[in-house]
Amino acid sequence: MALSADLICGKIHGLTAKQRLLCAAKPDAMVAISNGAKLGLAECQEQFKYHRWNCTAIGSRNGFGHVVVVGMCVLFDQFPSSCRPHYRGSREAAYLYAVWSSGLTYAIAQACSQGAISSCGCDPTKRGGKELVRSLHRSRAHNAATANGNGGGGNGGGNGNPASPNGWKWGGCSADVRSGASLAKRFADSRETEGDARSLMNLHNNKAGRKMVKSMLKKECKCHGVSGSCSLKTCWEKLPAFRDIGDALMKRYREAKAVVAKESRSGNNSKPRKSLTLQLRRKPRNKLRISELVFLQPSPNYCEADPTTGSLGVVGRRC
């Protein structure tokens, strides 16, 4: 690289101090992170294109400096302290954070599988397919030699099929969503430092977005054997189309849960610690699910142009 990572990261607009440190430590991941941010924003705009609020985006297009207004403040740039109390935690904000987090996870996992990031690759927990195929070929050769009277030794052991009882084994290159989610979490969650209700909401929806990518991996398989006999089947997990993830999150958006922040205490009597936690507004005793999107306040009216709600209005838009 002609320029140092520190110098390059210092020139990227919209990064927090922690994100700049992450950029310097993993410069080869920043292209994927930028692509993921753009992917999430584009999906938001596609899903809401016929809604009153259409995922309004104003500002730079580098994936970090998009100024996405959702009630007084912006998503990708630093939150001005003066506007935090007025920052609506609406359903739309919930979807926006979730799809942004999903986009980061998706793009990073994809880049890992393509070998574009040095610290990750294929999912290391889902390997072994190549060796199984070699074992099958060795066993088949051994059995053929035995049948022809050419010897009874060898490596095959006469099994003829190293496949497991369920008929398949992991092989190929499975998407490393764990690494994608881990890096996406480090990047996205580092913005949420206030510890208030809105930060808790953002963190929850970020996590819901990452979880959605994990839950929607698809299994693909390939048969190995003589004349299509499928003596052994190797399988791997691949990422779905991102539109499928956007659609699934849209369903979560429509079913989003209203929450409130409640103060809780932990620790002993001599050193009690107070912290905020999110609870369901209507049924506080019910457990809040990680997969659910949550919001703090009702959505504003987006019909009229209003910069405080992030609405450009509907005048002049195609119905």
C-alpha atoms as a PDB file:
ATOM      1  CA  MET A   1       0.000   0.000   0.000  1.00  0.00           C
ATOM      2  CA  ALA A   2       1.335   3.400  -0.954  1.00  0.00           C
ATOM      3  CA  LEU A   3      -0.417   5.068   1.987  1.00  0.00           C
ATOM      4  CA  SER A   4      -0.494   3.798   5.556  1.00  0.00           C
ATOM      5  CA  ALA A   5      -3.719   2.373   6.952  1.00  0.00           C
ATOM      6  CA  ASP A   6      -3.814   5.121   9.610  1.00  0.00           C
ATOM      7  CA  LEU A   7      -3.648   7.825   6.956  1.00  0.00           C
ATOM      8  CA  ILE A   8      -6.340   6.228   4.815  1.00  0.00           C
ATOM      9  CA  CYS A   9      -8.652   5.626   7.776  1.00  0.00           C
ATOM     10  CA  GLY A  10      -8.178   9.196   8.938  1.00  0.00           C
ATOM     11  CA  LYS A  11      -9.540  10.448   5.621  1.00  0.00           C
ATOM     12  CA  ILE A  12     -12.783   8.433   5.722  1.00  0.00           C
ATOM     13  CA  HIS A  13     -15.629  10.741   6.689  1.00  0.00           C
ATOM     14  CA  GLY A  14     -18.149   9.686   9.325  1.00  0.00           C
ATOM     15  CA  LEU A  15     -16.088   7.207  11.376  1.00  0.00           C
ATOM     16  CA  THR A  16     -15.959   7.342  15.164  1.00  0.00           C
ATOM     17  CA  ALA A  17     -12.659   7.007  17.039  1.00  0.00           C
ATOM     18  CA  LYS A  18     -13.247   3.282  17.695  1.00  0.00           C
ATOM     19  CA  GLN A  19     -14.176   2.687  14.081  1.00  0.00           C
ATOM     20  CA  ARG A  20     -10.967   4.375  12.951  1.00  0.00           C
ATOM     21  CA  LEU A  21      -8.989   2.024  15.187  1.00  0.00           C
ATOM     22  CA  LEU A  22     -10.822  -0.941  13.660  1.00  0.00           C
ATOM     23  CA  CYS A  23     -10.132   0.434  10.196  1.00  0.00           C
ATOM     24  CA  ALA A  24      -6.407   0.706  10.970  1.00  0.00           C
ATOM     25  CA  ALA A  25      -6.332  -2.844  12.368  1.00  0.00           C
ATOM     26  CA  LYS A  26      -8.310  -4.384   9.467  1.00  0.00           C
ATOM     27  CA  PRO A  27      -7.935  -2.095   6.439  1.00  0.00           C
ATOM     28  CA  ASP A  28      -8.780  -4.920   4.025  1.00  0.00           C
ATOM     29  CA  ALA A  29     -12.241  -5.221   5.640  1.00  0.00           C
ATOM     30  CA  MET A  30     -13.241  -1.608   5.092  1.00  0.00           C
ATOM     31  CA  VAL A  31     -14.270  -2.128   1.465  1.00  0.00           C
ATOM     32  CA  ALA A  32     -16.677  -4.855   2.570  1.00  0.00           C
ATOM     33  CA  ILE A  33     -17.974  -2.680   5.410  1.00  0.00           C
ATOM     34  CA  SER A  34     -18.576   0.192   2.995  1.00  0.00           C
ATOM     35  CA  ASN A  35     -20.328  -2.146   0.544  1.00  0.00           C
ATOM     36  CA  GLY A  36     -22.452  -3.542   3.376  1.00  0.00           C
ATOM     37  CA  ALA A  37     -23.542  -0.082   4.499  1.00  0.00           C
ATOM     38  CA  LYS A  38     -24.540   0.803   0.941  1.00  0.00           C
ATOM     39  CA  LEU A  39     -26.311  -2.546   0.541  1.00  0.00           C
ATOM     40  CA  GLY A  40     -28.387  -1.989   3.662  1.00  0.00           C
ATOM     41  CA  LEU A  41     -29.324   1.553   2.718  1.00  0.00           C
ATOM     42  CA  ALA A  42     -30.275   0.550  -0.846  1.00  0.00           C
ATOM     43  CA  GLU A  43     -32.483  -2.230   0.515  1.00  0.00           C
ATOM     44  CA  CYS A  44     -34.169   0.187   2.914  1.00  0.00           C
ATOM     45  CA  GLN A  45     -34.908   2.547   0.028  1.00  0.00           C
ATOM     46  CA  GLU A  46     -36.292  -0.308  -2.066  1.00  0.00           C
ATOM     47  CA  GLN A  47     -38.550  -1.605   0.699  1.00  0.00           C
ATOM     48  CA  PHE A  48     -39.940   1.858   1.549  1.00  0.00           C
ATOM     49  CA  LYS A  49     -40.121   3.358  -1.934  1.00  0.00           C
ATOM     50  CA  TYR A  50     -43.945   3.450  -1.882  1.00  0.00           C
ATOM     51  CA  HIS A  51     -44.251   4.496   1.762  1.00  0.00           C
ATOM     52  CA  ARG A  52     -44.699   8.025   3.046  1.00  0.00           C
ATOM     53  CA  TRP A  53     -41.184   7.850   4.458  1.00  0.00           C
ATOM     54  CA  ASN A  54     -38.936   6.354   1.783  1.00  0.00           C
ATOM     55  CA  CYS A  55     -35.695   5.888   3.735  1.00  0.00           C
ATOM     56  CA  THR A  56     -34.661   9.470   3.146  1.00  0.00           C
ATOM     57  CA  ALA A  57     -30.928   9.736   2.503  1.00  0.00           C
ATOM     58  CA  ILE A  58     -28.993  12.958   2.119  1.00  0.00           C
ATOM     59  CA  GLY A  59     -25.223  13.309   1.986  1.00  0.00           C
ATOM     60  CA  SER A  60     -22.119  11.478   0.887  1.00  0.00           C
ATOM     61  CA  ARG A  61     -22.172   8.067  -0.777  1.00  0.00           C
ATOM     62  CA  ASN A  62     -19.119   6.356   0.672  1.00  0.00           C
ATOM     63  CA  GLY A  63     -21.188   4.052   2.859  1.00  0.00           C
ATOM     64  CA  PHE A  64     -20.128   5.739   6.099  1.00  0.00           C
ATOM     65  CA  GLY A  65     -21.292   9.328   5.702  1.00  0.00           C
ATOM     66  CA  HIS A  66     -24.870   8.818   4.570  1.00  0.00           C
ATOM     67  CA  VAL A  67     -26.936  11.346   6.462  1.00  0.00           C
ATOM     68  CA  VAL A  68     -30.110   9.408   7.145  1.00  0.00           C
ATOM     69  CA  VAL A  69     -32.470  11.500   9.200  1.00  0.00           C
ATOM     70  CA  VAL A  70     -34.955   9.719  11.413  1.00  0.00           C
ATOM     71  CA  GLY A  71     -36.150  12.427  13.756  1.00  0.00           C
ATOM     72  CA  MET A  72     -33.693  15.299  14.317  1.00  0.00           C
ATOM     73  CA  CYS A  73     -30.476  13.268  14.256  1.00  0.00           C
ATOM     74  CA  VAL A  74     -28.505  11.261  11.744  1.00  0.00           C
ATOM     75  CA  LEU A  75     -27.653   7.599  11.538  1.00  0.00           C
ATOM     76  CA  PHE A  76     -24.104   7.360  10.264  1.00  0.00           C
ATOM     77  CA  ASP A  77     -22.579  10.587  11.578  1.00  0.00           C
ATOM     78  CA  GLN A  78     -22.016  11.460  15.217  1.00  0.00           C
ATOM     79  CA  PHE A  79     -25.172  12.194  17.173  1.00  0.00           C
ATOM     80  CA  PRO A  80     -25.157  15.829  18.337  1.00  0.00           C
ATOM     81  CA  SER A  81     -25.839  15.813  22.079  1.00  0.00           C
ATOM     82  CA  SER A  82     -28.290  18.676  21.675  1.00  0.00           C
ATOM     83  CA  CYS A  83     -30.713  16.591  19.633  1.00  0.00           C
ATOM     84  CA  ARG A  84     -30.530  13.214  21.367  1.00  0.00           C
ATOM     85  CA  PRO A  85     -33.596  13.880  23.586  1.00  0.00           C
ATOM     86  CA  HIS A  86     -35.708  14.652  20.498  1.00  0.00           C
ATOM     87  CA  TYR A  87     -34.439  11.743  18.446  1.00  0.00           C
ATOM     88  CA  ARG A  88     -37.440   9.531  17.724  1.00  0.00           C
ATOM     89  CA  GLY A  89     -36.957   5.824  18.226  1.00  0.00           C
ATOM     90  CA  SER A  90     -39.571   4.885  15.620  1.00  0.00           C
ATOM     91  CA  ARG A  91     -40.353   1.684  13.712  1.00  0.00           C
ATOM     92  CA  GLU A  92     -38.587   3.167  10.712  1.00  0.00           C
ATOM     93  CA  ALA A  93     -35.427   3.727  12.731  1.00  0.00           C
ATOM     94  CA  ALA A  94     -35.668   0.127  13.956  1.00  0.00           C
ATOM     95  CA  TYR A  95     -35.783  -1.228  10.412  1.00  0.00           C
ATOM     96  CA  LEU A  96     -33.020   1.063   9.238  1.00  0.00           C
ATOM     97  CA  TYR A  97     -30.580  -0.081  11.920  1.00  0.00           C
ATOM     98  CA  ALA A  98     -31.485  -3.747  11.450  1.00  0.00           C
ATOM     99  CA  VAL A  99     -31.076  -3.728   7.669  1.00  0.00           C
ATOM    100  CA  TRP A 100     -27.843  -1.728   7.954  1.00  0.00           C
ATOM    101  CA  SER A 101     -26.445  -4.282  10.404  1.00  0.00           C
ATOM    102  CA  SER A 102     -27.608  -7.116   8.130  1.00  0.00           C
ATOM    103  CA  GLY A 103     -25.877  -5.473   5.181  1.00  0.00           C
ATOM    104  CA  LEU A 104     -22.594  -5.242   7.084  1.00  0.00           C
ATOM    105  CA  THR A 105     -22.777  -8.891   8.183  1.00  0.00           C
ATOM    106  CA  TYR A 106     -23.717 -10.071   4.704  1.00  0.00           C
ATOM    107  CA  ALA A 107     -21.017  -8.160   2.825  1.00  0.00           C
ATOM    108  CA  ILE A 108     -18.255  -9.113   5.271  1.00  0.00           C
ATOM    109  CA  ALA A 109     -19.200 -12.823   5.187  1.00  0.00           C
ATOM    110  CA  GLN A 110     -19.276 -12.675   1.395  1.00  0.00           C
ATOM    111  CA  ALA A 111     -15.853 -11.025   1.270  1.00  0.00           C
ATOM    112  CA  CYS A 112     -14.477 -13.671   3.654  1.00  0.00           C
ATOM    113  CA  SER A 113     -15.640 -16.482   1.355  1.00  0.00           C
ATOM    114  CA  GLN A 114     -14.052 -14.729  -1.623  1.00  0.00           C
ATOM    115  CA  GLY A 115     -10.694 -14.429   0.163  1.00  0.00           C
ATOM    116  CA  ALA A 116     -10.843 -10.626   0.213  1.00  0.00           C
ATOM    117  CA  ILE A 117     -10.229 -10.351   3.974  1.00  0.00           C
ATOM    118  CA  SER A 118      -7.069 -11.918   5.365  1.00  0.00           C
ATOM    119  CA  SER A 119      -8.439 -12.726   8.834  1.00  0.00           C
ATOM    120  CA  CYS A 120     -11.315 -14.967   7.664  1.00  0.00           C
ATOM    121  CA  GLY A 121     -12.343 -17.340   4.886  1.00  0.00           C
ATOM    122  CA  CYS A 122     -14.793 -20.227   4.726  1.00  0.00           C
ATOM    123  CA  ASP A 123     -16.601 -21.290   7.899  1.00  0.00           C
ATOM    124  CA  PRO A 124     -13.978 -23.399   9.738  1.00  0.00           C
ATOM    125  CA  THR A 125     -16.663 -25.407  11.575  1.00  0.00           C
ATOM    126  CA  LYS A 126     -18.119 -26.775   8.331  1.00  0.00           C
ATOM    127  CA  ARG A 127     -15.191 -28.353   6.521  1.00  0.00           C
ATOM    128  CA  GLY A 128     -13.953 -31.827   5.630  1.00  0.00           C
ATOM    129  CA  GLY A 129     -15.708 -32.466   2.352  1.00  0.00           C
ATOM    130  CA  LYS A 130     -12.601 -32.766   0.162  1.00  0.00           C
ATOM    131  CA  GLU A 131     -11.011 -35.369   2.407  1.00  0.00           C
ATOM    132  CA  LEU A 132     -14.265 -37.341   2.474  1.00  0.00           C
ATOM    133  CA  VAL A 133     -14.414 -37.384  -1.317  1.00  0.00           C
ATOM    134  CA  ARG A 134     -10.773 -38.556  -1.489  1.00  0.00           C
ATOM    135  CA  SER A 135     -11.591 -41.265   1.073  1.00  0.00           C
ATOM    136  CA  LEU A 136     -14.532 -42.410  -1.052  1.00  0.00           C
ATOM    137  CA  HIS A 137     -12.342 -42.608  -4.152  1.00  0.00           C
ATOM    138  CA  ARG A 138      -9.669 -44.580  -2.251  1.00  0.00           C
ATOM    139  CA  SER A 139     -12.277 -46.974  -0.893  1.00  0.00           C
ATOM    140  CA  ARG A 140     -13.828 -47.497  -4.318  1.00  0.00           C
ATOM    141  CA  ALA A 141     -10.406 -48.205  -5.873  1.00  0.00           C
ATOM    142  CA  HIS A 142      -9.603 -50.644  -3.075  1.00  0.00           C
ATOM    143  CA  ASN A 143     -12.860 -52.541  -3.536  1.00  0.00           C
ATOM    144  CA  ALA A 144     -12.322 -52.764  -7.289  1.00  0.00           C
ATOM    145  CA  ALA A 145      -8.817 -54.093  -6.779  1.00  0.00           C
ATOM    146  CA  THR A 146     -10.074 -56.673  -4.283  1.00  0.00           C
ATOM    147  CA  ALA A 147     -12.798 -57.840  -6.655  1.00  0.00           C
ATOM    148  CA  ASN A 148     -10.217 -58.314  -9.409  1.00  0.00           C
ATOM    149  CA  GLY A 149      -7.939 -60.347  -7.115  1.00  0.00           C
ATOM    150  CA  ASN A 150      -5.237 -57.687  -7.092  1.00  0.00           C
ATOM    151  CA  GLY A 151      -4.735 -57.615  -3.352  1.00  0.00           C
ATOM    152  CA  GLY A 152      -6.615 -57.213  -0.138  1.00  0.00           C
ATOM    153  CA  GLY A 153      -4.617 -54.482   1.585  1.00  0.00           C
ATOM    154  CA  GLY A 154      -4.912 -50.762   1.309  1.00  0.00           C
ATOM    155  CA  ASN A 155      -6.469 -47.791   3.028  1.00  0.00           C
ATOM    156  CA  GLY A 156     -10.123 -48.369   2.259  1.00  0.00           C
ATOM    157  CA  GLY A 157     -10.917 -50.997   4.824  1.00  0.00           C
ATOM    158  CA  GLY A 158     -13.747 -52.275   2.611  1.00  0.00           C
ATOM    159  CA  ASN A 159     -16.287 -49.685   3.801  1.00  0.00           C
ATOM    160  CA  GLY A 160     -17.018 -48.282   0.384  1.00  0.00           C
ATOM    161  CA  ASN A 161     -18.895 -45.260   1.856  1.00  0.00           C
ATOM    162  CA  PRO A 162     -17.507 -42.863   4.452  1.00  0.00           C
ATOM    163  CA  ALA A 163     -20.757 -40.868   4.566  1.00  0.00           C
ATOM    164  CA  SER A 164     -22.504 -40.337   7.896  1.00  0.00           C
ATOM    165  CA  PRO A 165     -25.873 -41.953   8.745  1.00  0.00           C
ATOM    166  CA  ASN A 166     -27.732 -38.841   7.567  1.00  0.00           C
ATOM    167  CA  GLY A 167     -26.215 -39.250   4.109  1.00  0.00           C
ATOM    168  CA  TRP A 168     -24.104 -36.093   3.825  1.00  0.00           C
ATOM    169  CA  LYS A 169     -21.037 -34.330   5.170  1.00  0.00           C
ATOM    170  CA  TRP A 170     -19.874 -30.738   5.295  1.00  0.00           C
ATOM    171  CA  GLY A 171     -17.722 -29.718   2.353  1.00  0.00           C
ATOM    172  CA  GLY A 172     -17.159 -26.863  -0.080  1.00  0.00           C
ATOM    173  CA  CYS A 173     -16.935 -23.309   1.261  1.00  0.00           C
ATOM    174  CA  SER A 174     -19.647 -22.353   3.727  1.00  0.00           C
ATOM    175  CA  ALA A 175     -20.224 -18.638   4.319  1.00  0.00           C
ATOM    176  CA  ASP A 176     -18.394 -17.529   7.460  1.00  0.00           C
ATOM    177  CA  VAL A 177     -21.299 -15.598   8.975  1.00  0.00           C
ATOM    178  CA  ARG A 178     -19.772 -15.833  12.452  1.00  0.00           C
ATOM    179  CA  SER A 179     -16.815 -13.723  11.372  1.00  0.00           C
ATOM    180  CA  GLY A 180     -19.135 -11.417   9.451  1.00  0.00           C
ATOM    181  CA  ALA A 181     -21.392 -10.885  12.454  1.00  0.00           C
ATOM    182  CA  SER A 182     -18.442 -10.419  14.814  1.00  0.00           C
ATOM    183  CA  LEU A 183     -16.821  -7.704  12.698  1.00  0.00           C
ATOM    184  CA  ALA A 184     -20.195  -6.055  11.963  1.00  0.00           C
ATOM    185  CA  LYS A 185     -20.909  -5.936  15.693  1.00  0.00           C
ATOM    186  CA  ARG A 186     -17.543  -4.316  16.444  1.00  0.00           C
ATOM    187  CA  PHE A 187     -18.107  -1.691  13.776  1.00  0.00           C
ATOM    188  CA  ALA A 188     -21.801  -0.851  14.252  1.00  0.00           C
ATOM    189  CA  ASP A 189     -22.137  -1.197  18.028  1.00  0.00           C
ATOM    190  CA  SER A 190     -19.123   1.001  18.729  1.00  0.00           C
ATOM    191  CA  ARG A 191     -21.328   4.031  18.020  1.00  0.00           C
ATOM    192  CA  GLU A 192     -23.706   3.279  20.863  1.00  0.00           C
ATOM    193  CA  THR A 193     -21.859   4.719  23.848  1.00  0.00           C
ATOM    194  CA  GLU A 194     -24.538   6.848  25.543  1.00  0.00           C
ATOM    195  CA  GLY A 195     -26.142   4.021  27.515  1.00  0.00           C
ATOM    196  CA  ASP A 196     -29.597   5.593  27.189  1.00  0.00           C
ATOM    197  CA  ALA A 197     -32.857   4.112  25.916  1.00  0.00           C
ATOM    198  CA  ARG A 198     -32.120   4.967  22.305  1.00  0.00           C
ATOM    199  CA  SER A 199     -28.707   3.305  22.415  1.00  0.00           C
ATOM    200  CA  LEU A 200     -30.271   0.147  23.854  1.00  0.00           C
ATOM    201  CA  MET A 201     -32.845   0.183  21.073  1.00  0.00           C
ATOM    202  CA  ASN A 202     -30.149   0.567  18.420  1.00  0.00           C
ATOM    203  CA  LEU A 203     -28.037  -2.236  19.893  1.00  0.00           C
ATOM    204  CA  HIS A 204     -31.027  -4.568  20.007  1.00  0.00           C
ATOM    205  CA  ASN A 205     -32.001  -3.878  16.386  1.00  0.00           C
ATOM    206  CA  ASN A 206     -28.381  -4.206  15.261  1.00  0.00           C
ATOM    207  CA  LYS A 207     -28.314  -7.662  16.844  1.00  0.00           C
ATOM    208  CA  ALA A 208     -31.647  -8.600  15.265  1.00  0.00           C
ATOM    209  CA  GLY A 209     -30.213  -7.706  11.867  1.00  0.00           C
ATOM    210  CA  ARG A 210     -27.132  -9.881  12.364  1.00  0.00           C
ATOM    211  CA  LYS A 211     -29.257 -12.762  13.616  1.00  0.00           C
ATOM    212  CA  MET A 212     -31.471 -12.572  10.532  1.00  0.00           C
ATOM    213  CA  VAL A 213     -28.502 -13.231   8.243  1.00  0.00           C
ATOM    214  CA  LYS A 214     -27.478 -16.253  10.325  1.00  0.00           C
ATOM    215  CA  SER A 215     -30.995 -17.683  10.359  1.00  0.00           C
ATOM    216  CA  MET A 216     -31.454 -17.446   6.583  1.00  0.00           C
ATOM    217  CA  LEU A 217     -28.376 -19.338   5.392  1.00  0.00           C
ATOM    218  CA  LYS A 218     -29.242 -21.915   2.745  1.00  0.00           C
ATOM    219  CA  LYS A 219     -27.777 -25.406   2.451  1.00  0.00           C
ATOM    220  CA  GLU A 220     -26.614 -26.598  -0.966  1.00  0.00           C
ATOM    221  CA  CYS A 221     -25.309 -30.077  -1.715  1.00  0.00           C
ATOM    222  CA  LYS A 222     -23.403 -31.963  -4.397  1.00  0.00           C
ATOM    223  CA  CYS A 223     -23.421 -35.709  -5.054  1.00  0.00           C
ATOM    224  CA  HIS A 224     -20.281 -37.816  -5.566  1.00  0.00           C
ATOM    225  CA  GLY A 225     -20.394 -41.360  -6.930  1.00  0.00           C
ATOM    226  CA  VAL A 226     -20.314 -43.595  -9.983  1.00  0.00           C
ATOM    227  CA  SER A 227     -22.969 -42.793 -12.589  1.00  0.00           C
ATOM    228  CA  GLY A 228     -24.765 -40.361 -10.298  1.00  0.00           C
ATOM    229  CA  SER A 229     -25.156 -42.927  -7.512  1.00  0.00           C
ATOM    230  CA  CYS A 230     -24.618 -40.245  -4.860  1.00  0.00           C
ATOM    231  CA  SER A 231     -22.509 -42.530  -2.686  1.00  0.00           C
ATOM    232  CA  LEU A 232     -21.484 -39.404  -0.830  1.00  0.00           C
ATOM    233  CA  LYS A 233     -23.111 -35.991  -0.635  1.00  0.00           C
ATOM    234  CA  THR A 234     -21.175 -32.934   0.500  1.00  0.00           C
ATOM    235  CA  CYS A 235     -23.034 -29.796   1.554  1.00  0.00           C
ATOM    236  CA  TRP A 236     -22.232 -26.195   2.391  1.00  0.00           C
ATOM    237  CA  GLU A 237     -24.124 -23.127   3.576  1.00  0.00           C
ATOM    238  CA  LYS A 238     -24.487 -20.108   1.301  1.00  0.00           C
ATOM    239  CA  LEU A 239     -25.901 -16.636   1.715  1.00  0.00           C
ATOM    240  CA  PRO A 240     -29.407 -16.032   0.344  1.00  0.00           C
ATOM    241  CA  ALA A 241     -30.280 -13.108  -1.915  1.00  0.00           C
ATOM    242  CA  PHE A 242     -30.141  -9.972   0.221  1.00  0.00           C
ATOM    243  CA  ARG A 243     -33.649  -9.101  -0.957  1.00  0.00           C
ATOM    244  CA  ASP A 244     -34.891 -12.151   0.984  1.00  0.00           C
ATOM    245  CA  ILE A 245     -33.293 -10.729   4.130  1.00  0.00           C
ATOM    246  CA  GLY A 246     -34.828  -7.312   3.461  1.00  0.00           C
ATOM    247  CA  ASP A 247     -38.267  -8.909   3.005  1.00  0.00           C
ATOM    248  CA  ALA A 248     -37.927 -10.881   6.232  1.00  0.00           C
ATOM    249  CA  LEU A 249     -36.899  -7.760   8.155  1.00  0.00           C
ATOM    250  CA  MET A 250     -39.877  -5.916   6.652  1.00  0.00           C
ATOM    251  CA  LYS A 251     -42.138  -8.537   8.217  1.00  0.00           C
ATOM    252  CA  ARG A 252     -40.375  -7.900  11.529  1.00  0.00           C
ATOM    253  CA  TYR A 253     -40.908  -4.156  10.966  1.00  0.00           C
ATOM    254  CA  ARG A 254     -44.662  -4.642  10.685  1.00  0.00           C
ATOM    255  CA  GLU A 255     -44.614  -6.780  13.851  1.00  0.00           C
ATOM    256  CA  ALA A 256     -42.183  -4.535  15.770  1.00  0.00           C
ATOM    257  CA  LYS A 257     -42.678  -4.319  19.531  1.00  0.00           C
ATOM    258  CA  ALA A 258     -43.033  -1.128  21.548  1.00  0.00           C
ATOM    259  CA  VAL A 259     -40.568  -1.071  24.448  1.00  0.00           C
ATOM    260  CA  VAL A 260     -39.642   1.129  27.400  1.00  0.00           C
ATOM    261  CA  ALA A 261     -36.344   1.465  29.237  1.00  0.00           C
ATOM    262  CA  LYS A 262     -36.455   0.463  32.887  1.00  0.00           C
ATOM    263  CA  GLU A 263     -33.763   0.964  35.485  1.00  0.00           C
ATOM    264  CA  SER A 264     -32.464  -2.220  37.057  1.00  0.00           C
ATOM    265  CA  ARG A 265     -30.007  -2.823  39.873  1.00  0.00           C
ATOM    266  CA  SER A 266     -27.256  -5.391  40.136  1.00  0.00           C
ATOM    267  CA  GLY A 267     -24.310  -6.107  42.396  1.00  0.00           C
ATOM    268  CA  ASN A 268     -24.302  -6.268  46.193  1.00  0.00           C
ATOM    269  CA  ASN A 269     -25.691  -3.846  48.751  1.00  0.00           C
ATOM    270  CA  SER A 270     -22.347  -2.143  49.325  1.00  0.00           C
ATOM    271  CA  LYS A 271     -21.703  -1.541  45.626  1.00  0.00           C
ATOM    272  CA  PRO A 272     -25.046  -1.491  43.792  1.00  0.00           C
ATOM    273  CA  ARG A 273     -24.939  -0.877  40.060  1.00  0.00           C
ATOM    274  CA  LYS A 274     -27.768   0.731  38.125  1.00  0.00           C
ATOM    275  CA  SER A 275     -28.387   0.073  34.461  1.00  0.00           C
ATOM    276  CA  LEU A 276     -31.132   0.415  31.892  1.00  0.00           C
ATOM    277  CA  THR A 277     -32.824  -2.553  30.231  1.00  0.00           C
ATOM    278  CA  LEU A 278     -35.556  -2.747  27.611  1.00  0.00           C
ATOM    279  CA  GLN A 279     -38.960  -4.202  28.467  1.00  0.00           C
ATOM    280  CA  LEU A 280     -42.076  -4.750  26.397  1.00  0.00           C
ATOM    281  CA  ARG A 281     -44.460  -1.866  26.952  1.00  0.00           C
ATOM    282  CA  ARG A 282     -47.671  -3.896  26.956  1.00  0.00           C
ATOM    283  CA  LYS A 283     -46.471  -7.119  28.565  1.00  0.00           C
ATOM    284  CA  PRO A 284     -43.344  -6.241  30.586  1.00  0.00           C
ATOM    285  CA  ARG A 285     -43.103  -9.718  32.116  1.00  0.00           C
ATOM    286  CA  ASN A 286     -42.765 -11.392  28.722  1.00  0.00           C
ATOM    287  CA  LYS A 287     -39.228 -11.929  27.512  1.00  0.00           C
ATOM    288  CA  LEU A 288     -38.068  -9.761  24.625  1.00  0.00           C
ATOM    289  CA  ARG A 289     -36.822 -11.889  21.734  1.00  0.00           C
ATOM    290  CA  ILE A 290     -33.544 -11.098  20.017  1.00  0.00           C
ATOM    291  CA  SER A 291     -35.119 -11.590  16.590  1.00  0.00           C
ATOM    292  CA  GLU A 292     -37.791  -8.921  17.166  1.00  0.00           C
ATOM    293  CA  LEU A 293     -37.400  -5.303  16.094  1.00  0.00           C
ATOM    294  CA  VAL A 294     -38.195  -2.785  18.828  1.00  0.00           C
ATOM    295  CA  PHE A 295     -39.145   0.894  18.919  1.00  0.00           C
ATOM    296  CA  LEU A 296     -39.594   3.501  21.637  1.00  0.00           C
ATOM    297  CA  GLN A 297     -42.002   6.016  20.126  1.00  0.00           C
ATOM    298  CA  PRO A 298     -44.807   6.081  17.528  1.00  0.00           C
ATOM    299  CA  SER A 299     -43.896   7.018  13.969  1.00  0.00           C
ATOM    300  CA  PRO A 300     -44.432  10.671  13.064  1.00  0.00           C
ATOM    301  CA  ASN A 301     -46.612  11.810  10.168  1.00  0.00           C
ATOM    302  CA  TYR A 302     -44.380  11.754   7.093  1.00  0.00           C
ATOM    303  CA  CYS A 303     -46.871  13.343   4.673  1.00  0.00           C
ATOM    304  CA  GLU A 304     -45.501  16.861   4.914  1.00  0.00           C
ATOM    305  CA  ALA A 305     -41.880  17.845   4.460  1.00  0.00           C
ATOM    306  CA  ASP A 306     -40.340  18.153   7.912  1.00  0.00           C
ATOM    307  CA  PRO A 307     -36.569  18.003   8.527  1.00  0.00           C
ATOM    308  CA  THR A 308     -37.134  17.201  12.212  1.00  0.00           C
ATOM    309  CA  THR A 309     -38.733  13.855  11.278  1.00  0.00           C
ATOM    310  CA  GLY A 310     -36.530  13.092   8.289  1.00  0.00           C
ATOM    311  CA  SER A 311     -39.420  13.460   5.856  1.00  0.00           C
ATOM    312  CA  LEU A 312     -39.143  15.096   2.443  1.00  0.00           C
ATOM    313  CA  GLY A 313     -42.915  14.800   2.155  1.00  0.00           C
ATOM    314  CA  VAL A 314     -44.893  13.144  -0.622  1.00  0.00           C
ATOM    315  CA  VAL A 315     -45.436  16.170  -2.891  1.00  0.00           C
ATOM    316  CA  GLY A 316     -44.231  15.409  -6.410  1.00  0.00           C
ATOM    317  CA  ARG A 317     -43.591  11.719  -5.749  1.00  0.00           C
ATOM    318  CA  ARG A 318     -45.062   9.068  -8.029  1.00  0.00           C
ATOM    319  CA  CYS A 319     -47.931   7.178  -6.380  1.00  0.00           C
END
